[in-house]
Amino acid sequence: MNKPLTLETIVPFDLLVLIGGGEFSFGETREIDEFLLARMPRERRRVAFLPTASGSAEYAQHLGKYFHEIDPTVETVNVPIYRGRDNRRQKNLNAILEAGMVYIGGGVTNSLLGTLRESAAEIALREAASNGAIIAAIGAAASSFGTHTRDMRGVTSSIEALGWLPNTVIDAGFDDTTLRRLMSLPDVRLGVGIPAKTALAIRADGTTQVIGEGQIATYRKG
């Protein structure tokens, strides 16, 4: 990019980090993960992991062990939000609200958005973000913070996303064709492609920082 990217935001947060993808077990996201852990609040060293997109409880266990090796003060807990009724259980909401970082794992966007969007859990996520918790999302989860994202089940060309970044679509992993197709949607003015092993860190004022080895792609219209 020729100049730093600044994004419009409509949800208050201190730091939102969207990760294009990569295998932490192979060290592909190590620089990104060190960045995340170093910026967690000193008094809140717990990571709340949301497995909603993948449905895997083991994901949090392996990620937590890896995070603990980087920073022994960090504890990772799995927040078992897998389906509709899970998204309003008070225990799950409390885990999100009390965390210093909420990490949303990758998987299938449809599963994530069908369970999380406009739910009590998303309200808790927004509240945690406004209270200083880092929000991190990888892969399909990272693609879900714009207004729309790709329908990974292929029923339609796109599905409504979380909408934290208005008039914007995100494509994690970055497929040029997918991003251009999403850009054709009405009211979308900006498309952002985030390749694997790369993250886009977005601050409260919309300014951004690229972390990792790749380059962010941006498309504008209007």
C-alpha atoms as a PDB file:
ATOM      1  CA  MET A   1       0.000   0.000   0.000  1.00  0.00           C
ATOM      2  CA  ASN A   2       1.222   3.465  -0.797  1.00  0.00           C
ATOM      3  CA  LYS A   3      -0.243   5.048   2.303  1.00  0.00           C
ATOM      4  CA  PRO A   4      -1.535   3.701   5.623  1.00  0.00           C
ATOM      5  CA  LEU A   5      -5.073   2.377   5.479  1.00  0.00           C
ATOM      6  CA  THR A   6      -7.663   4.063   7.688  1.00  0.00           C
ATOM      7  CA  LEU A   7     -11.008   2.344   8.181  1.00  0.00           C
ATOM      8  CA  GLU A   8     -14.391   3.623   9.264  1.00  0.00           C
ATOM      9  CA  THR A   9     -15.691   1.859  12.357  1.00  0.00           C
ATOM     10  CA  ILE A  10     -19.096   1.882  14.020  1.00  0.00           C
ATOM     11  CA  VAL A  11     -18.367  -0.391  16.989  1.00  0.00           C
ATOM     12  CA  PRO A  12     -16.114   1.076  19.719  1.00  0.00           C
ATOM     13  CA  PHE A  13     -12.976  -0.974  20.369  1.00  0.00           C
ATOM     14  CA  ASP A  14      -9.352  -0.438  21.369  1.00  0.00           C
ATOM     15  CA  LEU A  15      -7.833  -3.029  19.073  1.00  0.00           C
ATOM     16  CA  LEU A  16      -9.335  -5.366  16.459  1.00  0.00           C
ATOM     17  CA  VAL A  17      -6.889  -7.735  14.772  1.00  0.00           C
ATOM     18  CA  LEU A  18      -7.995  -9.597  11.640  1.00  0.00           C
ATOM     19  CA  ILE A  19      -5.706 -12.483  10.663  1.00  0.00           C
ATOM     20  CA  GLY A  20      -5.718 -13.842   7.123  1.00  0.00           C
ATOM     21  CA  GLY A  21      -4.886 -17.379   8.242  1.00  0.00           C
ATOM     22  CA  GLY A  22      -1.918 -19.586   9.018  1.00  0.00           C
ATOM     23  CA  GLU A  23      -1.015 -22.557  11.194  1.00  0.00           C
ATOM     24  CA  PHE A  24       0.181 -21.483  14.634  1.00  0.00           C
ATOM     25  CA  SER A  25       1.622 -24.971  15.191  1.00  0.00           C
ATOM     26  CA  PHE A  26       4.069 -24.326  12.329  1.00  0.00           C
ATOM     27  CA  GLY A  27       4.954 -20.856  13.582  1.00  0.00           C
ATOM     28  CA  GLU A  28       3.179 -19.153  10.683  1.00  0.00           C
ATOM     29  CA  THR A  29       1.390 -16.624  12.917  1.00  0.00           C
ATOM     30  CA  ARG A  30       4.060 -16.281  15.607  1.00  0.00           C
ATOM     31  CA  GLU A  31       4.775 -12.580  14.994  1.00  0.00           C
ATOM     32  CA  ILE A  32       1.045 -11.811  15.073  1.00  0.00           C
ATOM     33  CA  ASP A  33       0.459 -13.845  18.230  1.00  0.00           C
ATOM     34  CA  GLU A  34       3.330 -12.180  20.084  1.00  0.00           C
ATOM     35  CA  PHE A  35       1.850  -8.817  19.088  1.00  0.00           C
ATOM     36  CA  LEU A  36      -1.545  -9.834  20.489  1.00  0.00           C
ATOM     37  CA  LEU A  37      -0.311 -11.221  23.803  1.00  0.00           C
ATOM     38  CA  ALA A  38       1.950  -8.238  24.450  1.00  0.00           C
ATOM     39  CA  ARG A  39      -1.032  -5.888  24.167  1.00  0.00           C
ATOM     40  CA  MET A  40      -3.444  -7.689  26.476  1.00  0.00           C
ATOM     41  CA  PRO A  41      -4.397  -5.693  29.600  1.00  0.00           C
ATOM     42  CA  ARG A  42      -1.920  -6.399  32.410  1.00  0.00           C
ATOM     43  CA  GLU A  43      -4.704  -7.171  34.882  1.00  0.00           C
ATOM     44  CA  ARG A  44      -6.616  -9.473  32.501  1.00  0.00           C
ATOM     45  CA  ARG A  45      -4.400 -12.259  31.173  1.00  0.00           C
ATOM     46  CA  ARG A  46      -7.176 -14.622  30.102  1.00  0.00           C
ATOM     47  CA  VAL A  47      -7.978 -15.385  26.474  1.00  0.00           C
ATOM     48  CA  ALA A  48     -11.592 -16.369  25.727  1.00  0.00           C
ATOM     49  CA  PHE A  49     -11.581 -18.590  22.642  1.00  0.00           C
ATOM     50  CA  LEU A  50     -14.751 -18.851  20.540  1.00  0.00           C
ATOM     51  CA  PRO A  51     -14.860 -22.127  18.551  1.00  0.00           C
ATOM     52  CA  THR A  52     -18.150 -21.248  16.850  1.00  0.00           C
ATOM     53  CA  ALA A  53     -16.876 -21.324  13.260  1.00  0.00           C
ATOM     54  CA  SER A  54     -15.251 -24.763  13.545  1.00  0.00           C
ATOM     55  CA  GLY A  55     -17.149 -26.511  16.339  1.00  0.00           C
ATOM     56  CA  SER A  56     -13.851 -27.824  17.723  1.00  0.00           C
ATOM     57  CA  ALA A  57     -13.239 -27.815  21.478  1.00  0.00           C
ATOM     58  CA  GLU A  58      -9.676 -29.104  20.952  1.00  0.00           C
ATOM     59  CA  TYR A  59      -8.747 -25.942  19.018  1.00  0.00           C
ATOM     60  CA  ALA A  60      -8.722 -23.868  22.232  1.00  0.00           C
ATOM     61  CA  GLN A  61      -6.681 -26.470  24.106  1.00  0.00           C
ATOM     62  CA  HIS A  62      -3.889 -26.510  21.520  1.00  0.00           C
ATOM     63  CA  LEU A  63      -3.937 -22.743  21.022  1.00  0.00           C
ATOM     64  CA  GLY A  64      -3.873 -22.206  24.787  1.00  0.00           C
ATOM     65  CA  LYS A  65      -0.802 -24.410  25.211  1.00  0.00           C
ATOM     66  CA  TYR A  66       0.940 -22.497  22.437  1.00  0.00           C
ATOM     67  CA  PHE A  67       0.024 -19.092  23.930  1.00  0.00           C
ATOM     68  CA  HIS A  68       1.244 -20.239  27.359  1.00  0.00           C
ATOM     69  CA  GLU A  69       4.619 -21.150  25.854  1.00  0.00           C
ATOM     70  CA  ILE A  70       4.920 -17.598  24.489  1.00  0.00           C
ATOM     71  CA  ASP A  71       3.688 -15.973  27.709  1.00  0.00           C
ATOM     72  CA  PRO A  72       3.281 -18.121  30.852  1.00  0.00           C
ATOM     73  CA  THR A  73       1.004 -15.488  32.441  1.00  0.00           C
ATOM     74  CA  VAL A  74      -1.693 -16.157  29.831  1.00  0.00           C
ATOM     75  CA  GLU A  75      -4.542 -18.644  30.326  1.00  0.00           C
ATOM     76  CA  THR A  76      -6.869 -19.665  27.493  1.00  0.00           C
ATOM     77  CA  VAL A  77     -10.424 -20.875  28.076  1.00  0.00           C
ATOM     78  CA  ASN A  78     -12.812 -22.392  25.562  1.00  0.00           C
ATOM     79  CA  VAL A  79     -16.163 -20.579  25.441  1.00  0.00           C
ATOM     80  CA  PRO A  80     -18.549 -23.306  24.201  1.00  0.00           C
ATOM     81  CA  ILE A  81     -20.737 -21.334  21.816  1.00  0.00           C
ATOM     82  CA  TYR A  82     -21.563 -23.879  19.137  1.00  0.00           C
ATOM     83  CA  ARG A  83     -25.260 -23.288  18.390  1.00  0.00           C
ATOM     84  CA  GLY A  84     -28.108 -20.902  19.089  1.00  0.00           C
ATOM     85  CA  ARG A  85     -28.856 -21.677  22.709  1.00  0.00           C
ATOM     86  CA  ASP A  86     -25.169 -21.363  23.635  1.00  0.00           C
ATOM     87  CA  ASN A  87     -25.089 -17.723  22.556  1.00  0.00           C
ATOM     88  CA  ARG A  88     -27.213 -16.572  25.492  1.00  0.00           C
ATOM     89  CA  ARG A  89     -25.891 -18.676  28.376  1.00  0.00           C
ATOM     90  CA  GLN A  90     -24.703 -16.349  31.106  1.00  0.00           C
ATOM     91  CA  LYS A  91     -21.576 -18.395  31.806  1.00  0.00           C
ATOM     92  CA  ASN A  92     -20.472 -17.910  28.211  1.00  0.00           C
ATOM     93  CA  LEU A  93     -21.298 -14.210  28.237  1.00  0.00           C
ATOM     94  CA  ASN A  94     -19.323 -13.747  31.466  1.00  0.00           C
ATOM     95  CA  ALA A  95     -16.297 -15.496  29.964  1.00  0.00           C
ATOM     96  CA  ILE A  96     -16.322 -13.044  27.066  1.00  0.00           C
ATOM     97  CA  LEU A  97     -16.815  -9.999  29.298  1.00  0.00           C
ATOM     98  CA  GLU A  98     -14.025 -10.951  31.718  1.00  0.00           C
ATOM     99  CA  ALA A  99     -11.357 -11.739  29.115  1.00  0.00           C
ATOM    100  CA  GLY A 100      -8.369  -9.607  28.194  1.00  0.00           C
ATOM    101  CA  MET A 101      -8.593 -10.972  24.658  1.00  0.00           C
ATOM    102  CA  VAL A 102     -11.374 -12.701  22.757  1.00  0.00           C
ATOM    103  CA  TYR A 103      -9.964 -14.881  19.983  1.00  0.00           C
ATOM    104  CA  ILE A 104     -12.446 -16.101  17.369  1.00  0.00           C
ATOM    105  CA  GLY A 105     -11.248 -19.206  15.585  1.00  0.00           C
ATOM    106  CA  GLY A 106     -11.543 -19.982  11.893  1.00  0.00           C
ATOM    107  CA  GLY A 107     -13.844 -22.437  10.154  1.00  0.00           C
ATOM    108  CA  VAL A 108     -17.094 -21.755   8.298  1.00  0.00           C
ATOM    109  CA  THR A 109     -18.486 -18.226   8.159  1.00  0.00           C
ATOM    110  CA  ASN A 110     -22.067 -19.512   7.954  1.00  0.00           C
ATOM    111  CA  SER A 111     -21.713 -21.384  11.245  1.00  0.00           C
ATOM    112  CA  LEU A 112     -20.159 -18.392  12.974  1.00  0.00           C
ATOM    113  CA  LEU A 113     -22.619 -15.786  11.739  1.00  0.00           C
ATOM    114  CA  GLY A 114     -25.689 -17.980  12.090  1.00  0.00           C
ATOM    115  CA  THR A 115     -24.923 -18.384  15.792  1.00  0.00           C
ATOM    116  CA  LEU A 116     -23.192 -15.136  16.740  1.00  0.00           C
ATOM    117  CA  ARG A 117     -24.665 -12.287  14.679  1.00  0.00           C
ATOM    118  CA  GLU A 118     -27.052 -10.024  16.638  1.00  0.00           C
ATOM    119  CA  SER A 119     -27.009 -12.442  19.590  1.00  0.00           C
ATOM    120  CA  ALA A 120     -26.401 -11.850  23.290  1.00  0.00           C
ATOM    121  CA  ALA A 121     -22.900 -13.205  22.700  1.00  0.00           C
ATOM    122  CA  GLU A 122     -22.182 -10.582  20.055  1.00  0.00           C
ATOM    123  CA  ILE A 123     -23.495  -7.872  22.381  1.00  0.00           C
ATOM    124  CA  ALA A 124     -21.071  -9.194  25.019  1.00  0.00           C
ATOM    125  CA  LEU A 125     -18.293  -9.205  22.425  1.00  0.00           C
ATOM    126  CA  ARG A 126     -18.993  -5.561  21.611  1.00  0.00           C
ATOM    127  CA  GLU A 127     -19.054  -4.674  25.301  1.00  0.00           C
ATOM    128  CA  ALA A 128     -15.754  -6.465  25.905  1.00  0.00           C
ATOM    129  CA  ALA A 129     -14.227  -4.615  22.952  1.00  0.00           C
ATOM    130  CA  SER A 130     -15.371  -1.247  24.295  1.00  0.00           C
ATOM    131  CA  ASN A 131     -13.904  -2.115  27.719  1.00  0.00           C
ATOM    132  CA  GLY A 132     -10.375  -2.702  26.448  1.00  0.00           C
ATOM    133  CA  ALA A 133     -10.324  -6.383  25.496  1.00  0.00           C
ATOM    134  CA  ILE A 134      -8.451  -7.173  22.298  1.00  0.00           C
ATOM    135  CA  ILE A 135     -10.642  -8.804  19.663  1.00  0.00           C
ATOM    136  CA  ALA A 136      -8.751 -11.160  17.357  1.00  0.00           C
ATOM    137  CA  ALA A 137     -10.225 -13.233  14.538  1.00  0.00           C
ATOM    138  CA  ILE A 138      -8.619 -15.586  12.042  1.00  0.00           C
ATOM    139  CA  GLY A 139      -9.657 -16.903   8.637  1.00  0.00           C
ATOM    140  CA  ALA A 140     -13.414 -17.135   8.172  1.00  0.00           C
ATOM    141  CA  ALA A 141     -13.931 -15.249  11.434  1.00  0.00           C
ATOM    142  CA  ALA A 142     -11.765 -12.358  10.217  1.00  0.00           C
ATOM    143  CA  SER A 143     -13.871 -12.188   7.047  1.00  0.00           C
ATOM    144  CA  SER A 144     -16.974 -11.660   9.180  1.00  0.00           C
ATOM    145  CA  PHE A 145     -16.326  -8.129  10.463  1.00  0.00           C
ATOM    146  CA  GLY A 146     -17.375  -6.260   7.342  1.00  0.00           C
ATOM    147  CA  THR A 147     -20.932  -5.839   6.119  1.00  0.00           C
ATOM    148  CA  HIS A 148     -21.055  -9.047   4.051  1.00  0.00           C
ATOM    149  CA  THR A 149     -18.913 -12.101   3.461  1.00  0.00           C
ATOM    150  CA  ARG A 150     -18.758 -15.079   1.144  1.00  0.00           C
ATOM    151  CA  ASP A 151     -21.364 -17.800   1.611  1.00  0.00           C
ATOM    152  CA  MET A 152     -19.063 -20.767   2.202  1.00  0.00           C
ATOM    153  CA  ARG A 153     -21.945 -23.179   1.656  1.00  0.00           C
ATOM    154  CA  GLY A 154     -22.520 -21.807  -1.831  1.00  0.00           C
ATOM    155  CA  VAL A 155     -26.255 -21.178  -1.508  1.00  0.00           C
ATOM    156  CA  THR A 156     -25.941 -17.463  -2.273  1.00  0.00           C
ATOM    157  CA  SER A 157     -23.073 -15.225  -3.373  1.00  0.00           C
ATOM    158  CA  SER A 158     -22.830 -13.530   0.034  1.00  0.00           C
ATOM    159  CA  ILE A 159     -24.295 -13.456   3.527  1.00  0.00           C
ATOM    160  CA  GLU A 160     -24.741 -10.611   5.977  1.00  0.00           C
ATOM    161  CA  ALA A 161     -21.778 -10.260   8.336  1.00  0.00           C
ATOM    162  CA  LEU A 162     -21.230  -8.584  11.719  1.00  0.00           C
ATOM    163  CA  GLY A 163     -20.963  -5.083  10.281  1.00  0.00           C
ATOM    164  CA  TRP A 164     -18.334  -3.652  12.629  1.00  0.00           C
ATOM    165  CA  LEU A 165     -16.658  -2.031   9.609  1.00  0.00           C
ATOM    166  CA  PRO A 166     -19.362  -0.241   7.560  1.00  0.00           C
ATOM    167  CA  ASN A 167     -19.387  -0.199   3.743  1.00  0.00           C
ATOM    168  CA  THR A 168     -16.457  -2.626   3.868  1.00  0.00           C
ATOM    169  CA  VAL A 169     -15.924  -6.263   2.927  1.00  0.00           C
ATOM    170  CA  ILE A 170     -13.034  -8.393   4.172  1.00  0.00           C
ATOM    171  CA  ASP A 171     -11.590 -11.476   2.513  1.00  0.00           C
ATOM    172  CA  ALA A 172      -9.210 -13.451   4.710  1.00  0.00           C
ATOM    173  CA  GLY A 173      -6.853 -15.756   2.876  1.00  0.00           C
ATOM    174  CA  PHE A 174      -7.424 -13.358  -0.010  1.00  0.00           C
ATOM    175  CA  ASP A 175      -8.945 -14.551  -3.223  1.00  0.00           C
ATOM    176  CA  ASP A 176      -9.046 -11.739  -5.779  1.00  0.00           C
ATOM    177  CA  THR A 177     -12.171 -13.078  -7.502  1.00  0.00           C
ATOM    178  CA  THR A 178     -14.081 -13.421  -4.225  1.00  0.00           C
ATOM    179  CA  LEU A 179     -13.190  -9.930  -3.100  1.00  0.00           C
ATOM    180  CA  ARG A 180     -14.151  -8.344  -6.412  1.00  0.00           C
ATOM    181  CA  ARG A 181     -17.488 -10.175  -6.330  1.00  0.00           C
ATOM    182  CA  LEU A 182     -18.184  -8.865  -2.831  1.00  0.00           C
ATOM    183  CA  MET A 183     -17.222  -5.378  -4.021  1.00  0.00           C
ATOM    184  CA  SER A 184     -20.111  -5.496  -6.490  1.00  0.00           C
ATOM    185  CA  LEU A 185     -22.643  -5.417  -3.644  1.00  0.00           C
ATOM    186  CA  PRO A 186     -24.578  -2.158  -3.155  1.00  0.00           C
ATOM    187  CA  ASP A 187     -23.252   0.173  -0.432  1.00  0.00           C
ATOM    188  CA  VAL A 188     -19.848  -1.522  -0.373  1.00  0.00           C
ATOM    189  CA  ARG A 189     -17.129   1.050  -0.981  1.00  0.00           C
ATOM    190  CA  LEU A 190     -14.000  -0.719   0.267  1.00  0.00           C
ATOM    191  CA  GLY A 191     -12.667  -4.236  -0.081  1.00  0.00           C
ATOM    192  CA  VAL A 192      -9.733  -5.496   2.000  1.00  0.00           C
ATOM    193  CA  GLY A 193      -7.855  -8.707   1.244  1.00  0.00           C
ATOM    194  CA  ILE A 194      -5.705 -10.187   4.028  1.00  0.00           C
ATOM    195  CA  PRO A 195      -3.392 -13.038   2.963  1.00  0.00           C
ATOM    196  CA  ALA A 196      -2.329 -15.908   5.200  1.00  0.00           C
ATOM    197  CA  LYS A 197       0.451 -15.284   7.748  1.00  0.00           C
ATOM    198  CA  THR A 198      -0.609 -11.636   7.784  1.00  0.00           C
ATOM    199  CA  ALA A 199      -2.861  -9.553  10.015  1.00  0.00           C
ATOM    200  CA  LEU A 200      -4.473  -6.138   9.883  1.00  0.00           C
ATOM    201  CA  ALA A 201      -4.505  -4.474  13.308  1.00  0.00           C
ATOM    202  CA  ILE A 202      -7.173  -1.760  13.545  1.00  0.00           C
ATOM    203  CA  ARG A 203      -7.093   0.796  16.348  1.00  0.00           C
ATOM    204  CA  ALA A 204      -9.903   2.791  17.928  1.00  0.00           C
ATOM    205  CA  ASP A 205      -9.447   5.703  15.530  1.00  0.00           C
ATOM    206  CA  GLY A 206      -9.511   3.459  12.453  1.00  0.00           C
ATOM    207  CA  THR A 207      -5.773   3.652  11.780  1.00  0.00           C
ATOM    208  CA  THR A 208      -4.167   0.345  10.900  1.00  0.00           C
ATOM    209  CA  GLN A 209      -0.941  -1.614  11.064  1.00  0.00           C
ATOM    210  CA  VAL A 210       0.047  -4.629   8.991  1.00  0.00           C
ATOM    211  CA  ILE A 211       1.726  -7.477  10.895  1.00  0.00           C
ATOM    212  CA  GLY A 212       3.342 -10.528   9.354  1.00  0.00           C
ATOM    213  CA  GLU A 213       4.961 -11.338   6.049  1.00  0.00           C
ATOM    214  CA  GLY A 214       2.263 -10.529   3.486  1.00  0.00           C
ATOM    215  CA  GLN A 215       0.759  -7.376   2.015  1.00  0.00           C
ATOM    216  CA  ILE A 216      -2.813  -6.155   2.361  1.00  0.00           C
ATOM    217  CA  ALA A 217      -4.800  -5.600  -0.844  1.00  0.00           C
ATOM    218  CA  THR A 218      -7.414  -2.850  -1.012  1.00  0.00           C
ATOM    219  CA  TYR A 219     -10.058  -2.011  -3.605  1.00  0.00           C
ATOM    220  CA  ARG A 220     -12.168   1.141  -3.566  1.00  0.00           C
ATOM    221  CA  LYS A 221     -15.176   2.310  -5.507  1.00  0.00           C
ATOM    222  CA  GLY A 222     -17.326   5.424  -5.481  1.00  0.00           C
END
